[in-house]
Amino acid sequence: MDRLTVQKKLLTIKKLPIRPQIIQELIQLSQNSKVSMSEYVTVISKDPGLAGEILKVVNSSYYGLKNHISDLKMALSMLGLREIYRIAANSIFYKVFRTIFDKISYDLNLFWT
């Protein structure tokens, strides 16, 4: 595959999947009450998909912030760990259900033609 083809494929990606290892690391961190926010930042920084999703949420109109947040540690502090886990879980479920939905939609399109 040439470079141009790869670039075109990359432009079609709307959402990066979260690596399952990151979820496991977050669960391990949650079981230790003495974990610092910096440790969460270190783990989440390993996954651009999750980090990007967190920054997208914190900068959404739902939170109504006047200033754009680009610092992951600040975003985690503002959202809180419960919201971070929700974002991570939603990203995983999105991937699973998207696959199922795509298959069902394809089958239904064949059914109605």
Protein backbone atom coordinates (compact mmCIF):
# COMPACT_ATOMS: atom_id res chain seq x y z
CA MET A 1 0.00 0.00 0.00
CA ASP A 2 1.44 3.38 -0.93
CA ARG A 3 1.64 6.42 1.33
CA LEU A 4 -1.27 8.26 -0.31
CA THR A 5 -3.58 5.28 0.15
CA VAL A 6 -2.62 5.02 3.83
CA GLN A 7 -3.23 8.75 4.34
CA LYS A 8 -6.67 8.50 2.72
CA LYS A 9 -7.58 5.56 4.96
CA LEU A 10 -6.42 7.45 8.04
CA LEU A 11 -8.63 10.40 7.13
CA THR A 12 -11.70 8.15 7.16
CA ILE A 13 -11.14 7.13 10.80
CA LYS A 14 -13.64 8.94 12.99
CA LYS A 15 -12.77 7.40 16.32
CA LEU A 16 -9.63 5.64 17.51
CA PRO A 17 -10.31 2.43 19.43
CA ILE A 18 -9.06 2.16 23.00
CA ARG A 19 -6.53 -0.57 23.67
CA PRO A 20 -7.89 -3.17 26.13
CA GLN A 21 -4.59 -3.09 28.04
CA ILE A 22 -5.30 0.52 29.00
CA ILE A 23 -8.63 -0.46 30.55
CA GLN A 24 -6.89 -3.18 32.55
CA GLU A 25 -4.32 -0.67 33.80
CA LEU A 26 -7.07 1.78 34.79
CA ILE A 27 -8.87 -0.95 36.72
CA GLN A 28 -5.63 -1.83 38.54
CA LEU A 29 -5.11 1.83 39.43
CA SER A 30 -8.65 2.12 40.75
CA GLN A 31 -7.97 -0.67 43.25
CA ASN A 32 -5.23 1.35 44.93
CA SER A 33 -6.44 4.27 47.04
CA LYS A 34 -2.99 5.91 47.10
CA VAL A 35 -2.70 6.45 43.34
CA SER A 36 -2.01 9.99 42.20
CA MET A 37 -3.68 11.76 39.29
CA SER A 38 -0.28 11.80 37.57
CA GLU A 39 -0.34 8.00 37.43
CA TYR A 40 -3.71 8.11 35.68
CA VAL A 41 -2.32 10.67 33.24
CA THR A 42 0.66 8.39 32.52
CA VAL A 43 -1.61 5.43 31.70
CA ILE A 44 -4.13 7.43 29.66
CA SER A 45 -1.36 9.19 27.74
CA LYS A 46 -0.36 5.80 26.30
CA ASP A 47 -3.62 5.72 24.35
CA PRO A 48 -4.23 8.65 21.98
CA GLY A 49 -7.82 7.52 21.36
CA LEU A 50 -8.80 7.72 25.02
CA ALA A 51 -6.80 10.89 25.66
CA GLY A 52 -8.45 12.57 22.67
CA GLU A 53 -11.91 11.46 23.74
CA ILE A 54 -11.35 12.86 27.26
CA LEU A 55 -10.18 16.21 25.86
CA LYS A 56 -13.14 16.27 23.47
CA VAL A 57 -15.57 15.72 26.36
CA VAL A 58 -14.01 18.28 28.70
CA ASN A 59 -14.05 20.90 25.91
CA SER A 60 -17.63 20.16 24.89
CA SER A 61 -20.40 22.71 25.33
CA TYR A 62 -21.82 20.51 28.12
CA TYR A 63 -19.14 21.82 30.49
CA GLY A 64 -19.28 25.38 29.14
CA LEU A 65 -15.66 26.24 29.83
CA LYS A 66 -14.40 29.63 28.73
CA ASN A 67 -10.88 28.37 28.02
CA HIS A 68 -9.90 25.40 25.88
CA ILE A 69 -8.31 22.59 27.92
CA SER A 70 -5.38 20.82 26.27
CA ASP A 71 -3.66 19.50 29.40
CA LEU A 72 -4.71 15.93 30.18
CA LYS A 73 -4.06 16.27 33.92
CA MET A 74 -6.30 19.34 34.07
CA ALA A 75 -8.98 17.52 32.08
CA LEU A 76 -8.88 14.52 34.44
CA SER A 77 -9.11 16.80 37.47
CA MET A 78 -12.10 18.63 36.03
CA LEU A 79 -13.99 15.52 34.92
CA GLY A 80 -13.20 13.22 37.82
CA LEU A 81 -12.44 9.53 37.73
CA ARG A 82 -16.04 8.36 37.47
CA GLU A 83 -16.45 10.30 34.21
CA ILE A 84 -13.10 9.01 32.92
CA TYR A 85 -14.24 5.42 33.47
CA ARG A 86 -17.54 6.20 31.76
CA ILE A 87 -15.74 7.61 28.73
CA ALA A 88 -13.45 4.57 28.54
CA ALA A 89 -16.35 2.12 28.88
CA ASN A 90 -18.44 3.97 26.29
CA SER A 91 -15.57 3.86 23.82
CA ILE A 92 -15.27 0.09 24.18
CA PHE A 93 -19.02 -0.49 23.93
CA TYR A 94 -19.19 1.82 20.91
CA LYS A 95 -16.74 -0.39 19.05
CA VAL A 96 -18.65 -3.58 19.90
CA PHE A 97 -22.10 -2.21 19.10
CA ARG A 98 -20.89 -0.44 15.97
CA THR A 99 -19.69 -3.75 14.58
CA ILE A 100 -23.02 -5.39 15.39
CA PHE A 101 -25.02 -2.47 14.00
CA ASP A 102 -23.01 -2.42 10.78
CA LYS A 103 -23.68 -6.12 10.27
CA ILE A 104 -27.42 -5.77 11.01
CA SER A 105 -27.75 -2.72 8.74
CA TYR A 106 -26.04 -4.54 5.92
CA ASP A 107 -28.33 -7.56 6.36
CA LEU A 108 -31.44 -5.37 6.51
CA ASN A 109 -30.42 -3.54 3.34
CA LEU A 110 -30.15 -6.88 1.55
CA PHE A 111 -33.49 -7.95 2.99
CA TRP A 112 -35.35 -4.89 1.67
CA THR A 113 -33.84 -4.98 -1.84
